[in-house]
Amino acid sequence: MNIPSLLDQARRWHEQLYTDTAVILRSIGSELDADGVERDSYTPAAIIKCLVQRINGEANQSTSADEPISIATHVCKTALDVDIRPGDMLTVTDSSDPANSERWRVVDVEQQSWSITRKAYLVRTWHSPSIPHS
Protein backbone atom coordinates (compact mmCIF):
# COMPACT_ATOMS: atom_id res chain seq x y z
CA MET A 1 0.00 0.00 0.00
CA ASN A 2 1.46 3.33 -1.12
CA ILE A 3 0.03 5.99 1.25
CA PRO A 4 1.09 9.08 -0.80
CA SER A 5 -0.49 7.56 -3.92
CA LEU A 6 -3.73 6.79 -2.05
CA LEU A 7 -3.85 10.35 -0.66
CA ASP A 8 -3.37 11.80 -4.16
CA GLN A 9 -6.19 9.63 -5.45
CA ALA A 10 -8.48 10.67 -2.56
CA ARG A 11 -7.73 14.35 -3.28
CA ARG A 12 -8.60 13.92 -6.97
CA TRP A 13 -11.89 12.19 -6.07
CA HIS A 14 -12.76 14.85 -3.51
CA GLU A 15 -12.01 17.67 -5.98
CA GLN A 16 -14.82 16.32 -8.18
CA LEU A 17 -17.21 17.43 -5.41
CA TYR A 18 -16.09 21.07 -5.67
CA THR A 19 -19.12 22.34 -7.60
CA ASP A 20 -18.92 25.97 -6.48
CA THR A 21 -16.67 28.74 -7.78
CA ALA A 22 -15.62 31.56 -5.49
CA VAL A 23 -13.30 34.55 -5.26
CA ILE A 24 -11.13 34.95 -2.18
CA LEU A 25 -10.86 38.63 -1.21
CA ARG A 26 -8.00 39.64 1.07
CA SER A 27 -7.80 42.79 3.15
CA ILE A 28 -5.30 45.38 1.96
CA GLY A 29 -5.92 47.68 4.88
CA SER A 30 -8.42 50.39 5.49
CA GLU A 31 -9.12 53.88 4.28
CA LEU A 32 -11.03 56.88 5.56
CA ASP A 33 -14.03 57.84 3.47
CA ALA A 34 -15.17 61.40 2.81
CA ASP A 35 -16.96 61.44 6.18
CA GLY A 36 -13.85 60.28 8.06
CA VAL A 37 -15.22 56.77 8.65
CA GLU A 38 -12.68 53.94 8.41
CA ARG A 39 -13.62 51.34 5.76
CA ASP A 40 -11.91 48.01 5.04
CA SER A 41 -10.47 47.56 1.54
CA TYR A 42 -10.19 44.17 -0.16
CA THR A 43 -8.52 42.90 -3.30
CA PRO A 44 -9.09 39.60 -5.13
CA ALA A 45 -6.48 37.03 -4.06
CA ALA A 46 -7.63 33.94 -6.00
CA ILE A 47 -10.48 32.29 -7.87
CA ILE A 48 -11.09 28.81 -6.48
CA LYS A 49 -13.21 25.70 -6.93
CA CYS A 50 -14.86 24.72 -3.67
CA LEU A 51 -17.93 23.28 -1.99
CA VAL A 52 -19.88 25.50 0.41
CA GLN A 53 -22.14 23.61 2.79
CA ARG A 54 -24.32 24.47 5.78
CA ILE A 55 -23.13 23.09 9.10
CA ASN A 56 -25.17 22.54 12.22
CA GLY A 57 -23.98 23.34 15.67
CA GLU A 58 -24.74 25.14 18.87
CA ALA A 59 -22.78 27.90 20.53
CA ASN A 60 -23.07 30.21 23.46
CA GLN A 61 -23.99 33.70 22.23
CA SER A 62 -21.98 35.57 24.87
CA THR A 63 -18.52 35.58 26.37
CA SER A 64 -17.47 36.39 29.90
CA ALA A 65 -15.71 39.53 28.63
CA ASP A 66 -18.71 40.64 26.53
CA GLU A 67 -16.60 40.32 23.40
CA PRO A 68 -18.36 39.76 20.07
CA ILE A 69 -18.19 36.24 18.70
CA SER A 70 -18.82 34.80 15.26
CA ILE A 71 -20.65 31.52 14.93
CA ALA A 72 -19.84 29.71 11.69
CA THR A 73 -22.93 28.52 9.85
CA HIS A 74 -21.22 27.20 6.73
CA VAL A 75 -17.99 25.53 5.69
CA CYS A 76 -16.00 25.96 2.48
CA LYS A 77 -14.16 22.80 1.45
CA THR A 78 -11.34 23.24 -1.03
CA ALA A 79 -7.94 21.88 -2.04
CA LEU A 80 -5.08 21.84 0.47
CA ASP A 81 -2.95 24.21 -1.62
CA VAL A 82 -5.55 27.01 -1.50
CA ASP A 83 -4.35 29.98 0.57
CA ILE A 84 -7.44 30.96 2.54
CA ARG A 85 -7.13 32.71 5.90
CA PRO A 86 -9.28 33.94 8.78
CA GLY A 87 -10.36 37.48 7.93
CA ASP A 88 -10.61 36.80 4.19
CA MET A 89 -13.91 37.38 2.42
CA LEU A 90 -15.28 34.72 0.07
CA THR A 91 -17.70 35.64 -2.70
CA VAL A 92 -19.40 32.62 -4.27
CA THR A 93 -19.88 33.44 -7.95
CA ASP A 94 -21.32 30.12 -9.16
CA SER A 95 -23.11 27.41 -7.21
CA SER A 96 -25.71 24.74 -7.85
CA ASP A 97 -27.31 25.93 -4.59
CA PRO A 98 -28.50 29.54 -5.04
CA ALA A 99 -28.40 30.06 -1.26
CA ASN A 100 -24.60 29.79 -1.42
CA SER A 101 -24.21 32.66 -3.88
CA GLU A 102 -23.41 35.11 -1.13
CA ARG A 103 -20.50 36.98 0.39
CA TRP A 104 -18.97 35.19 3.37
CA ARG A 105 -16.36 36.08 5.99
CA VAL A 106 -13.82 33.42 6.92
CA VAL A 107 -13.72 33.08 10.72
CA ASP A 108 -11.49 30.02 11.06
CA VAL A 109 -9.51 27.60 8.90
CA GLU A 110 -8.89 23.97 9.70
CA GLN A 111 -5.31 23.39 8.62
CA GLN A 112 -6.05 19.97 7.18
CA SER A 113 -8.79 17.43 7.11
CA TRP A 114 -7.25 13.99 6.80
CA SER A 115 -4.67 15.50 4.39
CA ILE A 116 -7.34 15.65 1.70
CA THR A 117 -9.14 18.97 1.95
CA ARG A 118 -8.91 22.42 3.55
CA LYS A 119 -11.95 23.59 5.52
CA ALA A 120 -12.72 27.27 6.04
CA TYR A 121 -15.53 28.14 8.43
CA LEU A 122 -17.82 30.94 7.23
CA VAL A 123 -20.38 33.45 8.42
CA ARG A 124 -22.69 35.29 6.04
CA THR A 125 -21.80 38.94 5.60
CA TRP A 126 -22.38 41.80 3.28
CA HIS A 127 -20.66 45.00 2.34
CA SER A 128 -22.58 48.11 3.06
CA PRO A 129 -21.25 51.62 2.47
CA SER A 130 -23.22 52.74 5.52
CA ILE A 131 -21.68 50.21 7.92
CA PRO A 132 -17.94 50.51 8.68
CA HIS A 133 -15.88 47.31 8.58
CA SER A 134 -18.77 45.20 7.24
C-alpha atoms as a PDB file:
ATOM      1  CA  MET A   1       0.000   0.000   0.000  1.00  0.00           C
ATOM      2  CA  ASN A   2       1.459   3.331  -1.119  1.00  0.00           C
ATOM      3  CA  ILE A   3       0.035   5.985   1.252  1.00  0.00           C
ATOM      4  CA  PRO A   4       1.094   9.075  -0.803  1.00  0.00           C
ATOM      5  CA  SER A   5      -0.494   7.558  -3.916  1.00  0.00           C
ATOM      6  CA  LEU A   6      -3.725   6.794  -2.049  1.00  0.00           C
ATOM      7  CA  LEU A   7      -3.854  10.351  -0.657  1.00  0.00           C
ATOM      8  CA  ASP A   8      -3.370  11.798  -4.159  1.00  0.00           C
ATOM      9  CA  GLN A   9      -6.194   9.630  -5.447  1.00  0.00           C
ATOM     10  CA  ALA A  10      -8.482  10.669  -2.556  1.00  0.00           C
ATOM     11  CA  ARG A  11      -7.727  14.350  -3.277  1.00  0.00           C
ATOM     12  CA  ARG A  12      -8.604  13.916  -6.966  1.00  0.00           C
ATOM     13  CA  TRP A  13     -11.892  12.188  -6.071  1.00  0.00           C
ATOM     14  CA  HIS A  14     -12.759  14.847  -3.515  1.00  0.00           C
ATOM     15  CA  GLU A  15     -12.009  17.667  -5.980  1.00  0.00           C
ATOM     16  CA  GLN A  16     -14.817  16.319  -8.183  1.00  0.00           C
ATOM     17  CA  LEU A  17     -17.213  17.429  -5.412  1.00  0.00           C
ATOM     18  CA  TYR A  18     -16.091  21.071  -5.672  1.00  0.00           C
ATOM     19  CA  THR A  19     -19.121  22.335  -7.605  1.00  0.00           C
ATOM     20  CA  ASP A  20     -18.916  25.967  -6.477  1.00  0.00           C
ATOM     21  CA  THR A  21     -16.675  28.742  -7.781  1.00  0.00           C
ATOM     22  CA  ALA A  22     -15.616  31.562  -5.488  1.00  0.00           C
ATOM     23  CA  VAL A  23     -13.303  34.547  -5.260  1.00  0.00           C
ATOM     24  CA  ILE A  24     -11.129  34.950  -2.179  1.00  0.00           C
ATOM     25  CA  LEU A  25     -10.857  38.628  -1.215  1.00  0.00           C
ATOM     26  CA  ARG A  26      -7.998  39.642   1.066  1.00  0.00           C
ATOM     27  CA  SER A  27      -7.803  42.791   3.152  1.00  0.00           C
ATOM     28  CA  ILE A  28      -5.301  45.385   1.957  1.00  0.00           C
ATOM     29  CA  GLY A  29      -5.923  47.679   4.881  1.00  0.00           C
ATOM     30  CA  SER A  30      -8.424  50.390   5.495  1.00  0.00           C
ATOM     31  CA  GLU A  31      -9.121  53.882   4.277  1.00  0.00           C
ATOM     32  CA  LEU A  32     -11.032  56.882   5.563  1.00  0.00           C
ATOM     33  CA  ASP A  33     -14.027  57.838   3.473  1.00  0.00           C
ATOM     34  CA  ALA A  34     -15.171  61.401   2.808  1.00  0.00           C
ATOM     35  CA  ASP A  35     -16.963  61.437   6.182  1.00  0.00           C
ATOM     36  CA  GLY A  36     -13.851  60.282   8.058  1.00  0.00           C
ATOM     37  CA  VAL A  37     -15.218  56.768   8.647  1.00  0.00           C
ATOM     38  CA  GLU A  38     -12.684  53.935   8.406  1.00  0.00           C
ATOM     39  CA  ARG A  39     -13.624  51.341   5.764  1.00  0.00           C
ATOM     40  CA  ASP A  40     -11.914  48.013   5.042  1.00  0.00           C
ATOM     41  CA  SER A  41     -10.474  47.563   1.537  1.00  0.00           C
ATOM     42  CA  TYR A  42     -10.189  44.169  -0.157  1.00  0.00           C
ATOM     43  CA  THR A  43      -8.520  42.901  -3.297  1.00  0.00           C
ATOM     44  CA  PRO A  44      -9.090  39.602  -5.133  1.00  0.00           C
ATOM     45  CA  ALA A  45      -6.482  37.034  -4.055  1.00  0.00           C
ATOM     46  CA  ALA A  46      -7.632  33.938  -6.005  1.00  0.00           C
ATOM     47  CA  ILE A  47     -10.484  32.291  -7.871  1.00  0.00           C
ATOM     48  CA  ILE A  48     -11.087  28.806  -6.483  1.00  0.00           C
ATOM     49  CA  LYS A  49     -13.209  25.702  -6.931  1.00  0.00           C
ATOM     50  CA  CYS A  50     -14.859  24.722  -3.674  1.00  0.00           C
ATOM     51  CA  LEU A  51     -17.932  23.283  -1.986  1.00  0.00           C
ATOM     52  CA  VAL A  52     -19.877  25.505   0.409  1.00  0.00           C
ATOM     53  CA  GLN A  53     -22.145  23.608   2.794  1.00  0.00           C
ATOM     54  CA  ARG A  54     -24.317  24.466   5.777  1.00  0.00           C
ATOM     55  CA  ILE A  55     -23.130  23.090   9.101  1.00  0.00           C
ATOM     56  CA  ASN A  56     -25.165  22.544  12.225  1.00  0.00           C
ATOM     57  CA  GLY A  57     -23.978  23.344  15.671  1.00  0.00           C
ATOM     58  CA  GLU A  58     -24.738  25.143  18.875  1.00  0.00           C
ATOM     59  CA  ALA A  59     -22.776  27.895  20.529  1.00  0.00           C
ATOM     60  CA  ASN A  60     -23.067  30.214  23.458  1.00  0.00           C
ATOM     61  CA  GLN A  61     -23.987  33.702  22.230  1.00  0.00           C
ATOM     62  CA  SER A  62     -21.976  35.572  24.871  1.00  0.00           C
ATOM     63  CA  THR A  63     -18.523  35.578  26.372  1.00  0.00           C
ATOM     64  CA  SER A  64     -17.467  36.386  29.903  1.00  0.00           C
ATOM     65  CA  ALA A  65     -15.713  39.529  28.625  1.00  0.00           C
ATOM     66  CA  ASP A  66     -18.710  40.645  26.526  1.00  0.00           C
ATOM     67  CA  GLU A  67     -16.603  40.319  23.396  1.00  0.00           C
ATOM     68  CA  PRO A  68     -18.357  39.765  20.073  1.00  0.00           C
ATOM     69  CA  ILE A  69     -18.191  36.235  18.704  1.00  0.00           C
ATOM     70  CA  SER A  70     -18.818  34.803  15.255  1.00  0.00           C
ATOM     71  CA  ILE A  71     -20.646  31.523  14.930  1.00  0.00           C
ATOM     72  CA  ALA A  72     -19.841  29.712  11.695  1.00  0.00           C
ATOM     73  CA  THR A  73     -22.930  28.519   9.850  1.00  0.00           C
ATOM     74  CA  HIS A  74     -21.221  27.202   6.726  1.00  0.00           C
ATOM     75  CA  VAL A  75     -17.991  25.530   5.695  1.00  0.00           C
ATOM     76  CA  CYS A  76     -16.003  25.956   2.476  1.00  0.00           C
ATOM     77  CA  LYS A  77     -14.161  22.798   1.449  1.00  0.00           C
ATOM     78  CA  THR A  78     -11.338  23.245  -1.026  1.00  0.00           C
ATOM     79  CA  ALA A  79      -7.936  21.878  -2.043  1.00  0.00           C
ATOM     80  CA  LEU A  80      -5.077  21.839   0.473  1.00  0.00           C
ATOM     81  CA  ASP A  81      -2.948  24.208  -1.624  1.00  0.00           C
ATOM     82  CA  VAL A  82      -5.549  27.011  -1.499  1.00  0.00           C
ATOM     83  CA  ASP A  83      -4.351  29.979   0.568  1.00  0.00           C
ATOM     84  CA  ILE A  84      -7.439  30.964   2.543  1.00  0.00           C
ATOM     85  CA  ARG A  85      -7.128  32.713   5.902  1.00  0.00           C
ATOM     86  CA  PRO A  86      -9.276  33.943   8.778  1.00  0.00           C
ATOM     87  CA  GLY A  87     -10.355  37.481   7.929  1.00  0.00           C
ATOM     88  CA  ASP A  88     -10.607  36.802   4.190  1.00  0.00           C
ATOM     89  CA  MET A  89     -13.906  37.375   2.415  1.00  0.00           C
ATOM     90  CA  LEU A  90     -15.284  34.720   0.075  1.00  0.00           C
ATOM     91  CA  THR A  91     -17.697  35.643  -2.704  1.00  0.00           C
ATOM     92  CA  VAL A  92     -19.397  32.618  -4.271  1.00  0.00           C
ATOM     93  CA  THR A  93     -19.878  33.439  -7.949  1.00  0.00           C
ATOM     94  CA  ASP A  94     -21.317  30.117  -9.159  1.00  0.00           C
ATOM     95  CA  SER A  95     -23.113  27.407  -7.212  1.00  0.00           C
ATOM     96  CA  SER A  96     -25.714  24.736  -7.847  1.00  0.00           C
ATOM     97  CA  ASP A  97     -27.313  25.930  -4.595  1.00  0.00           C
ATOM     98  CA  PRO A  98     -28.497  29.545  -5.041  1.00  0.00           C
ATOM     99  CA  ALA A  99     -28.404  30.064  -1.255  1.00  0.00           C
ATOM    100  CA  ASN A 100     -24.600  29.785  -1.417  1.00  0.00           C
ATOM    101  CA  SER A 101     -24.207  32.664  -3.885  1.00  0.00           C
ATOM    102  CA  GLU A 102     -23.406  35.112  -1.134  1.00  0.00           C
ATOM    103  CA  ARG A 103     -20.503  36.984   0.391  1.00  0.00           C
ATOM    104  CA  TRP A 104     -18.970  35.186   3.374  1.00  0.00           C
ATOM    105  CA  ARG A 105     -16.362  36.083   5.986  1.00  0.00           C
ATOM    106  CA  VAL A 106     -13.817  33.417   6.924  1.00  0.00           C
ATOM    107  CA  VAL A 107     -13.724  33.085  10.717  1.00  0.00           C
ATOM    108  CA  ASP A 108     -11.486  30.019  11.056  1.00  0.00           C
ATOM    109  CA  VAL A 109      -9.509  27.605   8.898  1.00  0.00           C
ATOM    110  CA  GLU A 110      -8.886  23.969   9.702  1.00  0.00           C
ATOM    111  CA  GLN A 111      -5.314  23.395   8.618  1.00  0.00           C
ATOM    112  CA  GLN A 112      -6.054  19.973   7.180  1.00  0.00           C
ATOM    113  CA  SER A 113      -8.790  17.426   7.108  1.00  0.00           C
ATOM    114  CA  TRP A 114      -7.249  13.989   6.799  1.00  0.00           C
ATOM    115  CA  SER A 115      -4.668  15.503   4.392  1.00  0.00           C
ATOM    116  CA  ILE A 116      -7.344  15.650   1.701  1.00  0.00           C
ATOM    117  CA  THR A 117      -9.135  18.971   1.946  1.00  0.00           C
ATOM    118  CA  ARG A 118      -8.912  22.415   3.546  1.00  0.00           C
ATOM    119  CA  LYS A 119     -11.954  23.594   5.517  1.00  0.00           C
ATOM    120  CA  ALA A 120     -12.716  27.266   6.042  1.00  0.00           C
ATOM    121  CA  TYR A 121     -15.531  28.143   8.430  1.00  0.00           C
ATOM    122  CA  LEU A 122     -17.821  30.937   7.234  1.00  0.00           C
ATOM    123  CA  VAL A 123     -20.384  33.455   8.421  1.00  0.00           C
ATOM    124  CA  ARG A 124     -22.690  35.286   6.040  1.00  0.00           C
ATOM    125  CA  THR A 125     -21.803  38.935   5.604  1.00  0.00           C
ATOM    126  CA  TRP A 126     -22.383  41.805   3.278  1.00  0.00           C
ATOM    127  CA  HIS A 127     -20.660  44.998   2.340  1.00  0.00           C
ATOM    128  CA  SER A 128     -22.582  48.115   3.057  1.00  0.00           C
ATOM    129  CA  PRO A 129     -21.255  51.619   2.468  1.00  0.00           C
ATOM    130  CA  SER A 130     -23.218  52.737   5.524  1.00  0.00           C
ATOM    131  CA  ILE A 131     -21.677  50.213   7.924  1.00  0.00           C
ATOM    132  CA  PRO A 132     -17.942  50.507   8.680  1.00  0.00           C
ATOM    133  CA  HIS A 133     -15.881  47.307   8.581  1.00  0.00           C
ATOM    134  CA  SER A 134     -18.770  45.196   7.243  1.00  0.00           C
END
